[in-house]
Amino acid sequence: MAIEIKVPQLPESVADATLVTWHKQAGQTVARDENLADLETDKVVLEVPAPVSGVLKEIRIVAGTSVTSGQVLAVLEEGAAAAAAAKPAAVAADAATKPAVAAAKNDGDKLAPSVRRMVEEQKLDPSKIPATGKDGRITKGDVVEYLDKPPVKAVGADKPAARTPAASTPVSGAAGRQDQRV
């Protein structure tokens, strides 16, 4: 029996989400509650689990697409017979993709979705941004501060001649008062 995999109910203040990654491809075997895809909002990354065991029959939405609550993402063919038919090919593919997926998750663990988006849009290297958040996490404020900070010049770069400050001279005002301008 075919089951539609839909976008879960999004938080109240969130209108849409972006389908970031598919963890399974069409034709691969999936176990119940196995993560099929990741959806990213401004505030959180949601996982889309498989409701039953079976074979991922069809993917209807590609990664990078904006989606809304209740939208159909994929079709899952339920049953052990369907799962057994696709299992030999899926085992080899799973073994090859799991290390890459784990590495990708570890890199993004320290970045909130909104921070990750800012870093990608500005083409920044997160390792160069000083983190002030809890557990060494980079906050949006850290990214903004990093962008506002002037770039650091290399030591020994061309330096303009040092300017001497203008001497301040007392200015006589009316009635003998003296003001000093700076």
N, C-alpha and C. Protein backbone atom coordinates (compact mmCIF):
# COMPACT_ATOMS: atom_id res chain seq x y z
N MET A 1 0.84 -1.17 0.00
CA MET A 1 0.00 0.00 0.00
C MET A 1 0.89 1.24 0.00
N ALA A 2 0.59 2.20 -0.85
CA ALA A 2 1.38 3.43 -0.96
C ALA A 2 0.94 4.44 0.10
N ILE A 3 1.93 5.04 0.76
CA ILE A 3 1.67 6.04 1.79
C ILE A 3 2.36 7.33 1.38
N GLU A 4 1.63 8.44 1.46
CA GLU A 4 2.21 9.74 1.14
C GLU A 4 2.98 10.27 2.35
N ILE A 5 4.19 10.72 2.12
CA ILE A 5 5.00 11.35 3.16
C ILE A 5 4.78 12.85 3.01
N LYS A 6 4.21 13.48 4.05
CA LYS A 6 3.86 14.90 3.98
C LYS A 6 4.72 15.73 4.91
N VAL A 7 4.77 17.03 4.61
CA VAL A 7 5.46 17.98 5.48
C VAL A 7 4.69 18.01 6.81
N PRO A 8 5.37 17.83 7.93
CA PRO A 8 4.68 17.88 9.22
C PRO A 8 4.14 19.28 9.51
N GLN A 9 3.28 19.37 10.50
CA GLN A 9 2.74 20.66 10.91
C GLN A 9 3.90 21.55 11.38
N LEU A 10 4.03 22.72 10.76
CA LEU A 10 5.11 23.64 11.11
C LEU A 10 4.70 24.47 12.32
N PRO A 11 5.67 25.01 13.06
CA PRO A 11 5.34 25.85 14.21
C PRO A 11 4.43 27.01 13.80
N GLU A 12 3.69 27.54 14.76
CA GLU A 12 2.67 28.56 14.51
C GLU A 12 3.20 29.79 13.78
N SER A 13 4.37 30.27 14.13
CA SER A 13 4.89 31.50 13.55
C SER A 13 5.65 31.28 12.24
N VAL A 14 5.68 30.04 11.75
CA VAL A 14 6.45 29.72 10.55
C VAL A 14 5.50 29.36 9.41
N ALA A 15 5.62 30.08 8.29
CA ALA A 15 4.73 29.83 7.16
C ALA A 15 5.24 28.70 6.26
N ASP A 16 6.56 28.63 6.07
CA ASP A 16 7.10 27.62 5.17
C ASP A 16 8.46 27.16 5.67
N ALA A 17 8.97 26.13 5.01
CA ALA A 17 10.28 25.56 5.35
C ALA A 17 10.99 25.23 4.04
N THR A 18 12.27 24.96 4.13
CA THR A 18 13.05 24.56 2.97
C THR A 18 13.48 23.11 3.14
N LEU A 19 13.23 22.29 2.12
CA LEU A 19 13.68 20.91 2.13
C LEU A 19 15.19 20.94 1.88
N VAL A 20 15.96 20.64 2.91
CA VAL A 20 17.42 20.77 2.83
C VAL A 20 18.07 19.53 2.23
N THR A 21 17.75 18.35 2.77
CA THR A 21 18.42 17.12 2.34
C THR A 21 17.49 15.93 2.35
N TRP A 22 17.72 15.06 1.40
CA TRP A 22 17.09 13.74 1.41
C TRP A 22 18.14 12.77 1.92
N HIS A 23 17.79 11.97 2.93
CA HIS A 23 18.71 10.97 3.46
C HIS A 23 18.54 9.63 2.75
N LYS A 24 17.47 9.47 2.01
CA LYS A 24 17.19 8.26 1.23
C LYS A 24 16.85 8.67 -0.20
N GLN A 25 17.09 7.77 -1.13
CA GLN A 25 16.78 8.00 -2.54
C GLN A 25 15.64 7.07 -2.94
N ALA A 26 14.98 7.38 -4.05
CA ALA A 26 13.90 6.54 -4.56
C ALA A 26 14.45 5.13 -4.79
N GLY A 27 13.68 4.13 -4.34
CA GLY A 27 14.08 2.74 -4.50
C GLY A 27 14.80 2.15 -3.30
N GLN A 28 15.19 2.98 -2.35
CA GLN A 28 15.90 2.49 -1.18
C GLN A 28 14.92 2.01 -0.10
N THR A 29 15.38 1.04 0.67
CA THR A 29 14.60 0.50 1.78
C THR A 29 14.70 1.45 2.97
N VAL A 30 13.57 1.62 3.66
CA VAL A 30 13.56 2.45 4.86
C VAL A 30 12.90 1.69 6.00
N ALA A 31 13.36 1.92 7.20
CA ALA A 31 12.77 1.32 8.39
C ALA A 31 11.83 2.34 9.03
N ARG A 32 10.89 1.85 9.80
CA ARG A 32 9.96 2.73 10.50
C ARG A 32 10.75 3.70 11.39
N ASP A 33 10.35 4.97 11.39
CA ASP A 33 10.95 6.06 12.17
C ASP A 33 12.35 6.45 11.70
N GLU A 34 12.81 5.92 10.58
CA GLU A 34 14.10 6.33 10.02
C GLU A 34 13.93 7.70 9.39
N ASN A 35 14.94 8.56 9.57
CA ASN A 35 14.87 9.92 9.03
C ASN A 35 14.99 9.89 7.50
N LEU A 36 13.98 10.43 6.82
CA LEU A 36 13.98 10.47 5.36
C LEU A 36 14.56 11.77 4.83
N ALA A 37 14.20 12.89 5.48
CA ALA A 37 14.62 14.19 4.98
C ALA A 37 14.70 15.19 6.12
N ASP A 38 15.39 16.32 5.87
CA ASP A 38 15.47 17.42 6.83
C ASP A 38 14.81 18.65 6.24
N LEU A 39 13.97 19.30 7.05
CA LEU A 39 13.32 20.55 6.67
C LEU A 39 13.88 21.64 7.56
N GLU A 40 14.24 22.78 6.98
CA GLU A 40 14.84 23.86 7.75
C GLU A 40 13.93 25.08 7.73
N THR A 41 13.67 25.64 8.92
CA THR A 41 12.94 26.91 9.03
C THR A 41 13.93 27.94 9.55
N ASP A 42 13.45 29.15 9.81
CA ASP A 42 14.33 30.18 10.37
C ASP A 42 14.83 29.80 11.76
N LYS A 43 14.07 28.97 12.45
CA LYS A 43 14.38 28.69 13.84
C LYS A 43 14.86 27.28 14.13
N VAL A 44 14.49 26.31 13.31
CA VAL A 44 14.75 24.92 13.67
C VAL A 44 14.90 24.06 12.41
N VAL A 45 15.57 22.91 12.58
CA VAL A 45 15.64 21.91 11.52
C VAL A 45 14.76 20.74 11.96
N LEU A 46 13.76 20.41 11.15
CA LEU A 46 12.83 19.33 11.46
C LEU A 46 13.21 18.09 10.67
N GLU A 47 13.07 16.93 11.30
CA GLU A 47 13.30 15.66 10.61
C GLU A 47 11.96 15.11 10.15
N VAL A 48 11.95 14.48 8.98
CA VAL A 48 10.75 13.83 8.47
C VAL A 48 10.98 12.32 8.56
N PRO A 49 10.35 11.64 9.55
CA PRO A 49 10.57 10.21 9.73
C PRO A 49 9.64 9.38 8.86
N ALA A 50 10.05 8.14 8.58
CA ALA A 50 9.20 7.21 7.84
C ALA A 50 8.13 6.68 8.79
N PRO A 51 6.85 6.76 8.41
CA PRO A 51 5.79 6.28 9.30
C PRO A 51 5.74 4.76 9.40
N VAL A 52 6.21 4.06 8.36
CA VAL A 52 6.23 2.59 8.33
C VAL A 52 7.48 2.12 7.60
N SER A 53 7.78 0.84 7.71
CA SER A 53 8.90 0.26 6.96
C SER A 53 8.44 -0.01 5.54
N GLY A 54 9.37 0.09 4.60
CA GLY A 54 9.03 -0.17 3.21
C GLY A 54 10.10 0.35 2.28
N VAL A 55 9.68 0.71 1.06
CA VAL A 55 10.59 1.21 0.04
C VAL A 55 10.14 2.60 -0.37
N LEU A 56 11.08 3.52 -0.46
CA LEU A 56 10.78 4.88 -0.92
C LEU A 56 10.53 4.79 -2.43
N LYS A 57 9.27 4.88 -2.81
CA LYS A 57 8.87 4.65 -4.19
C LYS A 57 9.14 5.86 -5.08
N GLU A 58 8.82 7.06 -4.58
CA GLU A 58 8.90 8.25 -5.43
C GLU A 58 9.21 9.47 -4.56
N ILE A 59 10.11 10.34 -5.04
CA ILE A 59 10.39 11.61 -4.39
C ILE A 59 9.77 12.70 -5.26
N ARG A 60 8.86 13.48 -4.69
CA ARG A 60 8.14 14.49 -5.47
C ARG A 60 8.73 15.89 -5.34
N ILE A 61 9.45 16.17 -4.28
CA ILE A 61 10.03 17.50 -4.06
C ILE A 61 11.54 17.36 -3.97
N VAL A 62 12.27 18.16 -4.73
CA VAL A 62 13.73 18.09 -4.72
C VAL A 62 14.29 18.96 -3.59
N ALA A 63 15.51 18.64 -3.16
CA ALA A 63 16.17 19.41 -2.11
C ALA A 63 16.36 20.85 -2.56
N GLY A 64 16.19 21.78 -1.61
CA GLY A 64 16.33 23.20 -1.91
C GLY A 64 15.02 23.89 -2.20
N THR A 65 13.92 23.13 -2.24
CA THR A 65 12.60 23.68 -2.55
C THR A 65 11.90 24.13 -1.27
N SER A 66 11.16 25.24 -1.36
CA SER A 66 10.37 25.73 -0.24
C SER A 66 9.05 24.95 -0.19
N VAL A 67 8.66 24.50 1.01
CA VAL A 67 7.45 23.69 1.18
C VAL A 67 6.59 24.25 2.31
N THR A 68 5.31 23.86 2.32
CA THR A 68 4.38 24.29 3.36
C THR A 68 3.80 23.06 4.07
N SER A 69 3.15 23.28 5.20
CA SER A 69 2.56 22.18 5.98
C SER A 69 1.59 21.37 5.13
N GLY A 70 1.69 20.05 5.24
CA GLY A 70 0.77 19.15 4.55
C GLY A 70 1.12 18.84 3.11
N GLN A 71 2.13 19.47 2.55
CA GLN A 71 2.52 19.23 1.17
C GLN A 71 3.16 17.84 1.06
N VAL A 72 2.84 17.10 -0.01
CA VAL A 72 3.37 15.75 -0.21
C VAL A 72 4.82 15.83 -0.69
N LEU A 73 5.72 15.19 0.07
CA LEU A 73 7.14 15.17 -0.27
C LEU A 73 7.52 13.94 -1.09
N ALA A 74 6.95 12.79 -0.72
CA ALA A 74 7.34 11.53 -1.35
C ALA A 74 6.25 10.49 -1.15
N VAL A 75 6.43 9.34 -1.82
CA VAL A 75 5.51 8.22 -1.67
C VAL A 75 6.33 7.02 -1.21
N LEU A 76 5.82 6.35 -0.17
CA LEU A 76 6.48 5.20 0.43
C LEU A 76 5.62 3.97 0.20
N GLU A 77 6.21 2.90 -0.34
CA GLU A 77 5.49 1.64 -0.54
C GLU A 77 5.69 0.80 0.72
N GLU A 78 4.58 0.54 1.41
CA GLU A 78 4.64 -0.19 2.68
C GLU A 78 4.77 -1.68 2.45
N GLY A 79 5.43 -2.36 3.38
CA GLY A 79 5.43 -3.82 3.36
C GLY A 79 6.80 -4.44 3.33
N ALA A 80 6.88 -5.66 3.85
CA ALA A 80 8.14 -6.40 3.91
C ALA A 80 8.55 -6.90 2.53
N ALA A 81 7.60 -7.26 1.67
CA ALA A 81 7.92 -7.76 0.33
C ALA A 81 8.60 -6.67 -0.48
N ALA A 82 8.07 -5.47 -0.41
CA ALA A 82 8.67 -4.34 -1.13
C ALA A 82 10.05 -4.03 -0.55
N ALA A 83 10.17 -4.13 0.76
CA ALA A 83 11.45 -3.85 1.41
C ALA A 83 12.49 -4.90 1.04
N ALA A 84 12.11 -6.17 0.98
CA ALA A 84 13.04 -7.24 0.65
C ALA A 84 13.54 -7.12 -0.79
N ALA A 85 12.71 -6.68 -1.70
CA ALA A 85 13.10 -6.55 -3.11
C ALA A 85 14.17 -5.49 -3.30
N ALA A 86 14.12 -4.42 -2.56
CA ALA A 86 15.06 -3.33 -2.74
C ALA A 86 16.26 -3.40 -1.80
N LYS A 87 16.26 -4.32 -0.86
CA LYS A 87 17.28 -4.37 0.17
C LYS A 87 18.71 -4.57 -0.34
N PRO A 88 19.01 -5.51 -1.26
CA PRO A 88 20.40 -5.71 -1.67
C PRO A 88 21.06 -4.46 -2.24
N ALA A 89 20.39 -3.73 -3.09
CA ALA A 89 20.98 -2.53 -3.67
C ALA A 89 21.08 -1.42 -2.64
N ALA A 90 20.13 -1.35 -1.75
CA ALA A 90 20.10 -0.27 -0.77
C ALA A 90 21.19 -0.41 0.28
N VAL A 91 21.58 -1.62 0.63
CA VAL A 91 22.59 -1.84 1.66
C VAL A 91 23.91 -1.22 1.24
N ALA A 92 24.34 -1.44 0.02
CA ALA A 92 25.60 -0.89 -0.47
C ALA A 92 25.53 0.63 -0.53
N ALA A 93 24.42 1.17 -0.99
CA ALA A 93 24.28 2.62 -1.08
C ALA A 93 24.26 3.26 0.30
N ASP A 94 23.60 2.62 1.26
CA ASP A 94 23.55 3.15 2.63
C ASP A 94 24.95 3.22 3.23
N ALA A 95 25.74 2.18 3.04
CA ALA A 95 27.08 2.14 3.62
C ALA A 95 27.94 3.27 3.06
N ALA A 96 27.74 3.61 1.81
CA ALA A 96 28.54 4.67 1.20
C ALA A 96 28.09 6.06 1.63
N THR A 97 26.80 6.26 1.87
CA THR A 97 26.30 7.60 2.17
C THR A 97 26.32 7.95 3.65
N LYS A 98 26.30 7.00 4.55
CA LYS A 98 26.22 7.32 5.98
C LYS A 98 27.40 8.14 6.49
N PRO A 99 28.67 7.84 6.15
CA PRO A 99 29.76 8.68 6.65
C PRO A 99 29.65 10.11 6.14
N ALA A 100 29.26 10.30 4.90
CA ALA A 100 29.14 11.65 4.36
C ALA A 100 28.03 12.42 5.07
N VAL A 101 26.92 11.76 5.33
CA VAL A 101 25.81 12.41 6.02
C VAL A 101 26.22 12.78 7.43
N ALA A 102 26.92 11.88 8.12
CA ALA A 102 27.35 12.16 9.49
C ALA A 102 28.32 13.33 9.52
N ALA A 103 29.24 13.38 8.56
CA ALA A 103 30.18 14.49 8.51
C ALA A 103 29.47 15.80 8.25
N ALA A 104 28.49 15.80 7.36
CA ALA A 104 27.75 17.02 7.07
C ALA A 104 26.99 17.49 8.30
N LYS A 105 26.41 16.57 9.05
CA LYS A 105 25.67 16.96 10.26
C LYS A 105 26.61 17.53 11.30
N ASN A 106 27.79 16.96 11.48
CA ASN A 106 28.72 17.45 12.49
C ASN A 106 29.19 18.86 12.18
N ASP A 107 29.40 19.19 10.91
CA ASP A 107 29.83 20.52 10.54
C ASP A 107 28.76 21.56 10.86
N GLY A 108 27.51 21.21 10.68
CA GLY A 108 26.45 22.18 10.88
C GLY A 108 25.87 22.20 12.27
N ASP A 109 26.36 21.30 13.17
CA ASP A 109 25.80 21.23 14.51
C ASP A 109 25.99 22.53 15.28
N LYS A 110 27.06 23.26 15.04
CA LYS A 110 27.33 24.47 15.80
C LYS A 110 26.63 25.70 15.21
N LEU A 111 25.94 25.55 14.10
CA LEU A 111 25.27 26.69 13.47
C LEU A 111 23.77 26.50 13.50
N ALA A 112 23.07 27.50 14.01
CA ALA A 112 21.62 27.49 13.94
C ALA A 112 21.22 27.70 12.48
N PRO A 113 20.04 27.29 12.08
CA PRO A 113 19.63 27.45 10.68
C PRO A 113 19.75 28.89 10.18
N SER A 114 19.34 29.85 11.00
CA SER A 114 19.41 31.25 10.56
C SER A 114 20.86 31.70 10.41
N VAL A 115 21.74 31.23 11.30
CA VAL A 115 23.16 31.58 11.21
C VAL A 115 23.78 30.91 9.99
N ARG A 116 23.44 29.64 9.75
CA ARG A 116 23.97 28.92 8.59
C ARG A 116 23.60 29.65 7.30
N ARG A 117 22.35 30.11 7.24
CA ARG A 117 21.88 30.82 6.05
C ARG A 117 22.69 32.12 5.86
N MET A 118 22.91 32.88 6.94
CA MET A 118 23.69 34.12 6.84
C MET A 118 25.11 33.83 6.37
N VAL A 119 25.73 32.80 6.93
CA VAL A 119 27.10 32.45 6.57
C VAL A 119 27.18 32.06 5.09
N GLU A 120 26.21 31.28 4.62
CA GLU A 120 26.21 30.86 3.21
C GLU A 120 25.95 32.04 2.28
N GLU A 121 25.01 32.92 2.65
CA GLU A 121 24.70 34.07 1.79
C GLU A 121 25.89 35.01 1.67
N GLN A 122 26.63 35.20 2.76
CA GLN A 122 27.77 36.12 2.76
C GLN A 122 29.07 35.43 2.34
N LYS A 123 28.99 34.11 2.08
CA LYS A 123 30.16 33.31 1.67
C LYS A 123 31.30 33.46 2.69
N LEU A 124 30.96 33.21 3.97
CA LEU A 124 31.93 33.33 5.05
C LEU A 124 32.43 31.95 5.48
N ASP A 125 33.58 31.94 6.11
CA ASP A 125 34.12 30.71 6.69
C ASP A 125 33.79 30.73 8.18
N PRO A 126 32.91 29.83 8.65
CA PRO A 126 32.50 29.85 10.05
C PRO A 126 33.66 29.71 11.03
N SER A 127 34.74 29.06 10.63
CA SER A 127 35.87 28.86 11.54
C SER A 127 36.58 30.18 11.85
N LYS A 128 36.37 31.21 11.04
CA LYS A 128 37.02 32.50 11.27
C LYS A 128 36.16 33.46 12.08
N ILE A 129 34.93 33.06 12.39
CA ILE A 129 34.02 33.94 13.14
C ILE A 129 34.13 33.60 14.62
N PRO A 130 34.49 34.58 15.47
CA PRO A 130 34.57 34.32 16.91
C PRO A 130 33.18 34.01 17.48
N ALA A 131 33.05 32.90 18.18
CA ALA A 131 31.76 32.47 18.72
C ALA A 131 31.60 32.93 20.16
N THR A 132 30.44 33.51 20.47
CA THR A 132 30.16 33.95 21.84
C THR A 132 28.98 33.22 22.44
N GLY A 133 28.35 32.34 21.68
CA GLY A 133 27.16 31.63 22.15
C GLY A 133 27.50 30.48 23.08
N LYS A 134 26.46 29.87 23.61
CA LYS A 134 26.60 28.75 24.54
C LYS A 134 27.31 27.58 23.85
N ASP A 135 28.23 26.96 24.54
CA ASP A 135 29.00 25.82 24.04
C ASP A 135 29.79 26.14 22.78
N GLY A 136 30.24 27.39 22.64
CA GLY A 136 31.06 27.76 21.49
C GLY A 136 30.30 27.89 20.19
N ARG A 137 29.00 28.15 20.28
CA ARG A 137 28.19 28.28 19.07
C ARG A 137 28.24 29.71 18.54
N ILE A 138 28.13 29.82 17.23
CA ILE A 138 28.12 31.12 16.57
C ILE A 138 26.68 31.64 16.55
N THR A 139 26.49 32.88 16.98
CA THR A 139 25.16 33.49 16.98
C THR A 139 25.03 34.44 15.80
N LYS A 140 23.79 34.88 15.53
CA LYS A 140 23.58 35.85 14.46
C LYS A 140 24.35 37.14 14.76
N GLY A 141 24.39 37.51 16.04
CA GLY A 141 25.14 38.70 16.46
C GLY A 141 26.62 38.57 16.14
N ASP A 142 27.16 37.37 16.31
CA ASP A 142 28.57 37.13 15.99
C ASP A 142 28.83 37.38 14.50
N VAL A 143 27.92 36.90 13.65
CA VAL A 143 28.08 37.07 12.21
C VAL A 143 27.98 38.55 11.84
N VAL A 144 26.99 39.25 12.41
CA VAL A 144 26.82 40.68 12.12
C VAL A 144 28.06 41.45 12.57
N GLU A 145 28.56 41.15 13.77
CA GLU A 145 29.75 41.83 14.28
C GLU A 145 30.96 41.54 13.38
N TYR A 146 31.09 40.31 12.93
CA TYR A 146 32.19 39.93 12.04
C TYR A 146 32.12 40.70 10.72
N LEU A 147 30.89 40.87 10.20
CA LEU A 147 30.72 41.61 8.95
C LEU A 147 31.01 43.09 9.12
N ASP A 148 30.69 43.65 10.29
CA ASP A 148 30.91 45.07 10.55
C ASP A 148 32.37 45.39 10.83
N LYS A 149 33.11 44.41 11.29
CA LYS A 149 34.51 44.60 11.65
C LYS A 149 35.34 44.81 10.38
N PRO A 150 36.20 45.84 10.34
CA PRO A 150 37.04 46.03 9.15
C PRO A 150 38.04 44.89 9.04
N PRO A 151 38.40 44.52 7.81
CA PRO A 151 39.35 43.42 7.63
C PRO A 151 40.71 43.78 8.25
N VAL A 152 41.37 42.79 8.83
CA VAL A 152 42.66 42.99 9.47
C VAL A 152 43.73 42.94 8.39
N LYS A 153 44.60 43.99 8.38
CA LYS A 153 45.69 44.03 7.40
C LYS A 153 46.87 43.23 7.92
N ALA A 154 47.66 42.72 7.01
CA ALA A 154 48.84 41.96 7.37
C ALA A 154 49.87 42.88 8.01
N VAL A 155 50.68 42.34 8.91
CA VAL A 155 51.72 43.12 9.56
C VAL A 155 52.74 43.53 8.52
N GLY A 156 53.19 44.80 8.58
CA GLY A 156 54.18 45.28 7.64
C GLY A 156 53.57 45.79 6.35
N ALA A 157 52.25 45.89 6.29
CA ALA A 157 51.61 46.42 5.09
C ALA A 157 51.90 47.91 5.02
N ASP A 158 51.69 48.47 3.85
CA ASP A 158 51.94 49.90 3.67
C ASP A 158 51.17 50.68 4.71
N LYS A 159 51.91 51.50 5.47
CA LYS A 159 51.27 52.31 6.50
C LYS A 159 51.36 53.77 6.07
N PRO A 160 50.27 54.50 6.19
CA PRO A 160 50.35 55.92 5.87
C PRO A 160 51.21 56.61 6.92
N ALA A 161 51.80 57.73 6.55
CA ALA A 161 52.64 58.48 7.47
C ALA A 161 51.81 58.87 8.69
N ALA A 162 52.43 58.77 9.85
CA ALA A 162 51.72 59.11 11.08
C ALA A 162 51.39 60.59 11.08
N ARG A 163 50.17 60.89 11.43
CA ARG A 163 49.75 62.29 11.46
C ARG A 163 49.85 62.79 12.90
N THR A 164 50.37 63.97 13.04
CA THR A 164 50.44 64.55 14.38
C THR A 164 49.17 65.34 14.60
N PRO A 165 48.59 65.22 15.78
CA PRO A 165 47.37 65.96 16.04
C PRO A 165 47.64 67.46 16.06
N ALA A 166 46.66 68.20 15.60
CA ALA A 166 46.79 69.66 15.59
C ALA A 166 46.79 70.14 17.04
N ALA A 167 47.62 71.11 17.30
CA ALA A 167 47.71 71.64 18.66
C ALA A 167 46.43 72.41 18.96
N SER A 168 45.93 72.22 20.16
CA SER A 168 44.73 72.96 20.54
C SER A 168 45.16 74.27 21.17
N THR A 169 44.54 75.30 20.74
CA THR A 169 44.89 76.62 21.27
C THR A 169 43.69 77.21 21.97
N PRO A 170 43.94 77.88 23.07
CA PRO A 170 42.82 78.51 23.76
C PRO A 170 42.24 79.62 22.91
N VAL A 171 40.94 79.73 22.96
CA VAL A 171 40.24 80.77 22.21
C VAL A 171 39.67 81.75 23.22
N SER A 172 39.95 83.01 23.01
CA SER A 172 39.42 84.02 23.93
C SER A 172 38.01 84.36 23.52
N GLY A 173 37.15 84.30 24.48
CA GLY A 173 35.77 84.67 24.22
C GLY A 173 35.51 86.05 24.77
N ALA A 174 34.32 86.47 24.68
CA ALA A 174 33.94 87.77 25.22
C ALA A 174 34.08 87.73 26.74
N ALA A 175 34.39 88.83 27.34
CA ALA A 175 34.50 89.01 28.78
C ALA A 175 35.64 88.19 29.37
N GLY A 176 36.68 87.90 28.60
CA GLY A 176 37.88 87.29 29.12
C GLY A 176 37.79 85.80 29.40
N ARG A 177 36.73 85.14 29.02
CA ARG A 177 36.65 83.69 29.22
C ARG A 177 37.51 82.98 28.20
N GLN A 178 38.05 81.89 28.59
CA GLN A 178 38.84 81.11 27.64
C GLN A 178 38.19 79.75 27.45
N ASP A 179 38.03 79.38 26.20
CA ASP A 179 37.51 78.07 25.85
C ASP A 179 38.60 77.33 25.10
N GLN A 180 38.64 76.07 25.30
CA GLN A 180 39.63 75.28 24.59
C GLN A 180 38.89 74.35 23.64
N ARG A 181 39.23 74.43 22.38
CA ARG A 181 38.58 73.59 21.38
C ARG A 181 39.42 72.36 21.13
N VAL A 182 38.72 71.29 20.96
CA VAL A 182 39.41 70.05 20.69
C VAL A 182 39.03 69.49 19.36
